[in-house]
Amino acid sequence: MKNGVYSLLKAKFLVNDDAVKNWRFIVFVIVLAIIMIASTQRFDQKVFEITALSNQVKELRSEFIDRRSELMKLKLESTISDKMLQRQIYPSTVPPVKIKVVKEEEKNFFKKIWE
């Protein structure tokens, strides 16, 4: 047992006759570790990007709601009438009247001839 641990610490398995198998495995493990680190890094970048974009969406949504409420206030009749009073334009006291236009029927060629 002592001899096995001692040879492991001295890394004798890397210089033995069949060390090529060990080196292949070590290189394979290193390549897998690099791929795992790169994929984790990429995943973290995507998470940060998603978080930033969701925060931006929340800000834009709240700005939209603020603008919409301002627009609703500006569309109110009282707001419009106050602004028109400042320009000395007063609301009408007479209610609007609907105008109906009666279109005369055009006479076709035959009706014109018989008249």
N, C-alpha and C. Protein backbone atom coordinates (compact mmCIF):
# COMPACT_ATOMS: atom_id res chain seq x y z
N MET A 1 0.83 -1.18 0.00
CA MET A 1 0.00 0.00 0.00
C MET A 1 0.87 1.24 0.00
N LYS A 2 1.88 1.24 0.88
CA LYS A 2 2.78 2.38 0.97
C LYS A 2 3.54 2.58 -0.33
N ASN A 3 3.91 1.48 -0.93
CA ASN A 3 4.67 1.54 -2.18
C ASN A 3 3.78 2.08 -3.32
N GLY A 4 2.50 1.73 -3.35
CA GLY A 4 1.58 2.19 -4.39
C GLY A 4 1.33 3.68 -4.32
N VAL A 5 1.14 4.20 -3.11
CA VAL A 5 0.89 5.62 -2.94
C VAL A 5 2.16 6.41 -3.25
N TYR A 6 3.30 5.85 -2.85
CA TYR A 6 4.58 6.51 -3.08
C TYR A 6 4.86 6.60 -4.58
N SER A 7 4.56 5.54 -5.33
CA SER A 7 4.79 5.56 -6.78
C SER A 7 3.79 6.50 -7.47
N LEU A 8 2.59 6.61 -6.92
CA LEU A 8 1.60 7.53 -7.47
C LEU A 8 2.06 8.98 -7.29
N LEU A 9 2.62 9.28 -6.09
CA LEU A 9 3.10 10.64 -5.83
C LEU A 9 4.32 10.98 -6.69
N LYS A 10 5.14 10.02 -6.98
CA LYS A 10 6.30 10.27 -7.85
C LYS A 10 5.92 10.26 -9.32
N ALA A 11 4.67 9.90 -9.65
CA ALA A 11 4.14 9.88 -11.02
C ALA A 11 4.90 8.90 -11.89
N LYS A 12 5.19 7.74 -11.34
CA LYS A 12 5.90 6.71 -12.12
C LYS A 12 5.02 6.15 -13.23
N PHE A 13 3.68 6.29 -13.10
CA PHE A 13 2.78 5.77 -14.13
C PHE A 13 2.89 6.56 -15.42
N LEU A 14 3.52 7.75 -15.38
CA LEU A 14 3.67 8.55 -16.59
C LEU A 14 4.94 8.22 -17.37
N VAL A 15 5.90 7.53 -16.73
CA VAL A 15 7.17 7.23 -17.40
C VAL A 15 7.38 5.74 -17.60
N ASN A 16 6.42 4.93 -17.28
CA ASN A 16 6.53 3.48 -17.49
C ASN A 16 6.47 3.16 -18.97
N ASP A 17 6.59 1.86 -19.26
CA ASP A 17 6.57 1.42 -20.66
C ASP A 17 5.20 1.62 -21.30
N ASP A 18 4.15 1.38 -20.60
CA ASP A 18 2.81 1.55 -21.16
C ASP A 18 2.21 2.91 -20.75
N ALA A 19 3.02 3.94 -20.70
CA ALA A 19 2.59 5.29 -20.31
C ALA A 19 1.77 5.98 -21.39
N VAL A 20 1.87 5.49 -22.63
CA VAL A 20 1.13 6.11 -23.73
C VAL A 20 -0.38 6.02 -23.48
N LYS A 21 -0.83 4.91 -22.94
CA LYS A 21 -2.25 4.77 -22.61
C LYS A 21 -2.65 5.80 -21.55
N ASN A 22 -1.81 5.98 -20.57
CA ASN A 22 -2.11 6.94 -19.50
C ASN A 22 -2.13 8.37 -20.04
N TRP A 23 -1.19 8.69 -20.91
CA TRP A 23 -1.14 10.04 -21.47
C TRP A 23 -2.38 10.33 -22.32
N ARG A 24 -2.82 9.35 -23.08
CA ARG A 24 -4.03 9.53 -23.89
C ARG A 24 -5.23 9.83 -22.99
N PHE A 25 -5.34 9.06 -21.92
CA PHE A 25 -6.46 9.27 -21.00
C PHE A 25 -6.37 10.65 -20.33
N ILE A 26 -5.16 11.05 -19.94
CA ILE A 26 -4.98 12.35 -19.29
C ILE A 26 -5.34 13.48 -20.25
N VAL A 27 -4.91 13.38 -21.50
CA VAL A 27 -5.23 14.40 -22.50
C VAL A 27 -6.74 14.43 -22.74
N PHE A 28 -7.37 13.26 -22.79
CA PHE A 28 -8.82 13.19 -22.97
C PHE A 28 -9.55 13.87 -21.82
N VAL A 29 -9.12 13.61 -20.60
CA VAL A 29 -9.73 14.23 -19.42
C VAL A 29 -9.53 15.74 -19.43
N ILE A 30 -8.35 16.21 -19.85
CA ILE A 30 -8.08 17.65 -19.92
C ILE A 30 -8.97 18.30 -20.97
N VAL A 31 -9.13 17.67 -22.13
CA VAL A 31 -10.00 18.22 -23.17
C VAL A 31 -11.44 18.28 -22.68
N LEU A 32 -11.90 17.25 -22.01
CA LEU A 32 -13.26 17.27 -21.45
C LEU A 32 -13.43 18.38 -20.42
N ALA A 33 -12.41 18.59 -19.59
CA ALA A 33 -12.48 19.66 -18.58
C ALA A 33 -12.54 21.02 -19.25
N ILE A 34 -11.78 21.23 -20.31
CA ILE A 34 -11.79 22.51 -21.02
C ILE A 34 -13.16 22.75 -21.66
N ILE A 35 -13.72 21.70 -22.26
CA ILE A 35 -15.05 21.83 -22.87
C ILE A 35 -16.10 22.15 -21.81
N MET A 36 -16.01 21.48 -20.66
CA MET A 36 -16.97 21.73 -19.59
C MET A 36 -16.85 23.16 -19.06
N ILE A 37 -15.64 23.65 -18.89
CA ILE A 37 -15.43 25.02 -18.41
C ILE A 37 -15.97 26.03 -19.43
N ALA A 38 -15.71 25.78 -20.71
CA ALA A 38 -16.18 26.70 -21.75
C ALA A 38 -17.71 26.72 -21.81
N SER A 39 -18.34 25.56 -21.70
CA SER A 39 -19.81 25.54 -21.76
C SER A 39 -20.41 26.20 -20.53
N THR A 40 -19.80 26.03 -19.37
CA THR A 40 -20.29 26.70 -18.16
C THR A 40 -20.16 28.21 -18.28
N GLN A 41 -19.03 28.65 -18.83
CA GLN A 41 -18.81 30.09 -19.05
C GLN A 41 -19.87 30.66 -19.99
N ARG A 42 -20.14 29.94 -21.06
CA ARG A 42 -21.12 30.40 -22.04
C ARG A 42 -22.52 30.44 -21.42
N PHE A 43 -22.84 29.43 -20.62
CA PHE A 43 -24.14 29.39 -19.95
C PHE A 43 -24.29 30.59 -19.00
N ASP A 44 -23.26 30.90 -18.26
CA ASP A 44 -23.31 32.05 -17.35
C ASP A 44 -23.50 33.35 -18.11
N GLN A 45 -22.83 33.50 -19.25
CA GLN A 45 -23.01 34.70 -20.06
C GLN A 45 -24.45 34.82 -20.54
N LYS A 46 -25.05 33.71 -20.96
CA LYS A 46 -26.45 33.74 -21.41
C LYS A 46 -27.39 34.11 -20.27
N VAL A 47 -27.11 33.60 -19.07
CA VAL A 47 -27.95 33.92 -17.92
C VAL A 47 -27.88 35.41 -17.61
N PHE A 48 -26.68 35.98 -17.64
CA PHE A 48 -26.53 37.42 -17.38
C PHE A 48 -27.23 38.24 -18.45
N GLU A 49 -27.13 37.80 -19.70
CA GLU A 49 -27.79 38.52 -20.79
C GLU A 49 -29.31 38.46 -20.65
N ILE A 50 -29.83 37.30 -20.28
CA ILE A 50 -31.27 37.16 -20.10
C ILE A 50 -31.75 38.04 -18.94
N THR A 51 -30.98 38.09 -17.87
CA THR A 51 -31.35 38.93 -16.73
C THR A 51 -31.37 40.40 -17.12
N ALA A 52 -30.36 40.84 -17.86
CA ALA A 52 -30.30 42.23 -18.30
C ALA A 52 -31.48 42.56 -19.21
N LEU A 53 -31.80 41.66 -20.14
CA LEU A 53 -32.90 41.91 -21.06
C LEU A 53 -34.25 41.91 -20.34
N SER A 54 -34.42 41.05 -19.36
CA SER A 54 -35.69 41.04 -18.63
C SER A 54 -35.84 42.32 -17.80
N ASN A 55 -34.74 42.82 -17.25
CA ASN A 55 -34.81 44.11 -16.54
C ASN A 55 -35.17 45.24 -17.49
N GLN A 56 -34.59 45.21 -18.68
CA GLN A 56 -34.90 46.24 -19.67
C GLN A 56 -36.36 46.16 -20.10
N VAL A 57 -36.90 44.95 -20.24
CA VAL A 57 -38.31 44.79 -20.61
C VAL A 57 -39.20 45.36 -19.51
N LYS A 58 -38.86 45.11 -18.26
CA LYS A 58 -39.64 45.66 -17.14
C LYS A 58 -39.63 47.18 -17.15
N GLU A 59 -38.47 47.77 -17.40
CA GLU A 59 -38.37 49.23 -17.46
C GLU A 59 -39.20 49.79 -18.60
N LEU A 60 -39.11 49.17 -19.77
CA LEU A 60 -39.87 49.64 -20.92
C LEU A 60 -41.37 49.49 -20.71
N ARG A 61 -41.77 48.39 -20.05
CA ARG A 61 -43.20 48.19 -19.79
C ARG A 61 -43.73 49.25 -18.82
N SER A 62 -42.95 49.58 -17.79
CA SER A 62 -43.40 50.61 -16.85
C SER A 62 -43.44 51.98 -17.52
N GLU A 63 -42.46 52.25 -18.40
CA GLU A 63 -42.47 53.52 -19.14
C GLU A 63 -43.70 53.59 -20.06
N PHE A 64 -44.03 52.47 -20.69
CA PHE A 64 -45.22 52.42 -21.55
C PHE A 64 -46.48 52.71 -20.75
N ILE A 65 -46.59 52.13 -19.59
CA ILE A 65 -47.78 52.35 -18.75
C ILE A 65 -47.86 53.81 -18.33
N ASP A 66 -46.71 54.41 -17.98
CA ASP A 66 -46.70 55.82 -17.60
C ASP A 66 -47.14 56.70 -18.77
N ARG A 67 -46.62 56.43 -19.94
CA ARG A 67 -46.98 57.23 -21.12
C ARG A 67 -48.47 57.06 -21.45
N ARG A 68 -48.96 55.84 -21.32
CA ARG A 68 -50.37 55.60 -21.63
C ARG A 68 -51.27 56.34 -20.65
N SER A 69 -50.90 56.37 -19.37
CA SER A 69 -51.73 57.09 -18.39
C SER A 69 -51.67 58.59 -18.65
N GLU A 70 -50.50 59.11 -19.04
CA GLU A 70 -50.40 60.54 -19.39
C GLU A 70 -51.29 60.85 -20.59
N LEU A 71 -51.29 59.97 -21.58
CA LEU A 71 -52.12 60.17 -22.76
C LEU A 71 -53.60 60.15 -22.39
N MET A 72 -54.00 59.24 -21.52
CA MET A 72 -55.40 59.19 -21.10
C MET A 72 -55.80 60.49 -20.39
N LYS A 73 -54.90 61.05 -19.59
CA LYS A 73 -55.20 62.31 -18.92
C LYS A 73 -55.31 63.45 -19.92
N LEU A 74 -54.44 63.44 -20.94
CA LEU A 74 -54.49 64.49 -21.95
C LEU A 74 -55.74 64.39 -22.82
N LYS A 75 -56.29 63.20 -22.97
CA LYS A 75 -57.47 63.01 -23.81
C LYS A 75 -58.77 63.39 -23.11
N LEU A 76 -58.72 63.59 -21.81
CA LEU A 76 -59.94 63.93 -21.08
C LEU A 76 -60.51 65.27 -21.56
N GLU A 77 -61.82 65.34 -21.58
CA GLU A 77 -62.48 66.55 -22.07
C GLU A 77 -62.14 67.75 -21.18
N SER A 78 -62.04 67.53 -19.89
CA SER A 78 -61.73 68.64 -18.97
C SER A 78 -60.35 69.21 -19.26
N THR A 79 -59.37 68.34 -19.52
CA THR A 79 -58.02 68.81 -19.83
C THR A 79 -58.01 69.60 -21.13
N ILE A 80 -58.71 69.09 -22.12
CA ILE A 80 -58.76 69.77 -23.42
C ILE A 80 -59.47 71.12 -23.28
N SER A 81 -60.56 71.15 -22.55
CA SER A 81 -61.29 72.42 -22.40
C SER A 81 -60.46 73.44 -21.62
N ASP A 82 -59.71 73.00 -20.63
CA ASP A 82 -58.83 73.93 -19.90
C ASP A 82 -57.77 74.53 -20.83
N LYS A 83 -57.20 73.70 -21.68
CA LYS A 83 -56.18 74.20 -22.60
C LYS A 83 -56.79 75.14 -23.64
N MET A 84 -58.01 74.85 -24.06
CA MET A 84 -58.67 75.72 -25.03
C MET A 84 -59.08 77.05 -24.39
N LEU A 85 -59.42 77.04 -23.11
CA LEU A 85 -59.75 78.29 -22.41
C LEU A 85 -58.54 79.21 -22.33
N GLN A 86 -57.37 78.62 -22.21
CA GLN A 86 -56.16 79.44 -22.19
C GLN A 86 -55.95 80.15 -23.53
N ARG A 87 -56.43 79.54 -24.59
CA ARG A 87 -56.32 80.16 -25.93
C ARG A 87 -57.59 80.94 -26.28
N GLN A 88 -58.45 81.09 -25.33
CA GLN A 88 -59.71 81.82 -25.48
C GLN A 88 -60.63 81.17 -26.51
N ILE A 89 -60.66 79.87 -26.51
CA ILE A 89 -61.61 79.11 -27.32
C ILE A 89 -62.54 78.44 -26.33
N TYR A 90 -63.84 78.77 -26.44
CA TYR A 90 -64.80 78.31 -25.45
C TYR A 90 -65.64 77.18 -26.02
N PRO A 91 -66.11 76.29 -25.15
CA PRO A 91 -66.96 75.19 -25.65
C PRO A 91 -68.31 75.72 -26.13
N SER A 92 -68.89 75.01 -27.04
CA SER A 92 -70.16 75.42 -27.62
C SER A 92 -71.29 75.20 -26.62
N THR A 93 -72.23 76.15 -26.63
CA THR A 93 -73.40 76.02 -25.76
C THR A 93 -74.55 75.33 -26.49
N VAL A 94 -74.47 75.31 -27.81
CA VAL A 94 -75.52 74.69 -28.62
C VAL A 94 -75.07 73.26 -28.92
N PRO A 95 -75.93 72.30 -28.68
CA PRO A 95 -75.54 70.93 -28.98
C PRO A 95 -75.41 70.71 -30.49
N PRO A 96 -74.60 69.77 -30.89
CA PRO A 96 -74.42 69.54 -32.32
C PRO A 96 -75.67 68.95 -32.96
N VAL A 97 -75.83 69.24 -34.23
CA VAL A 97 -76.99 68.76 -34.97
C VAL A 97 -76.47 67.90 -36.11
N LYS A 98 -77.12 66.80 -36.30
CA LYS A 98 -76.72 65.90 -37.37
C LYS A 98 -77.30 66.38 -38.69
N ILE A 99 -76.46 66.50 -39.67
CA ILE A 99 -76.89 66.97 -40.99
C ILE A 99 -77.07 65.76 -41.89
N LYS A 100 -78.24 65.66 -42.47
CA LYS A 100 -78.53 64.56 -43.38
C LYS A 100 -78.55 65.08 -44.80
N VAL A 101 -77.80 64.45 -45.64
CA VAL A 101 -77.76 64.83 -47.05
C VAL A 101 -78.52 63.78 -47.83
N VAL A 102 -79.51 64.25 -48.55
CA VAL A 102 -80.31 63.34 -49.36
C VAL A 102 -79.76 63.39 -50.77
N LYS A 103 -79.34 62.28 -51.24
CA LYS A 103 -78.76 62.22 -52.57
C LYS A 103 -79.88 61.96 -53.57
N GLU A 104 -79.92 62.83 -54.58
CA GLU A 104 -80.94 62.66 -55.61
C GLU A 104 -80.55 61.51 -56.51
N GLU A 105 -81.56 60.77 -56.89
CA GLU A 105 -81.31 59.62 -57.73
C GLU A 105 -81.02 60.11 -59.15
N GLU A 106 -79.94 59.66 -59.69
CA GLU A 106 -79.61 60.06 -61.05
C GLU A 106 -80.51 59.32 -62.03
N LYS A 107 -80.90 60.05 -63.01
CA LYS A 107 -81.77 59.45 -64.02
C LYS A 107 -80.90 58.82 -65.09
N ASN A 108 -81.28 57.63 -65.41
CA ASN A 108 -80.49 56.97 -66.44
C ASN A 108 -80.92 57.46 -67.82
N PHE A 109 -80.31 56.95 -68.81
CA PHE A 109 -80.52 57.42 -70.17
C PHE A 109 -81.97 57.29 -70.62
N PHE A 110 -82.60 56.17 -70.30
CA PHE A 110 -83.97 55.93 -70.74
C PHE A 110 -84.97 56.88 -70.06
N LYS A 111 -84.75 57.16 -68.79
CA LYS A 111 -85.66 58.06 -68.08
C LYS A 111 -85.53 59.49 -68.62
N LYS A 112 -84.36 59.86 -69.01
CA LYS A 112 -84.16 61.20 -69.58
C LYS A 112 -84.89 61.32 -70.92
N ILE A 113 -84.91 60.28 -71.67
CA ILE A 113 -85.54 60.32 -72.99
C ILE A 113 -87.05 60.47 -72.84
N TRP A 114 -87.69 59.79 -71.91
CA TRP A 114 -89.13 59.79 -71.76
C TRP A 114 -89.65 61.06 -71.13
N GLU A 115 -88.78 61.87 -70.58
CA GLU A 115 -89.28 63.12 -69.98
C GLU A 115 -89.42 64.21 -70.96
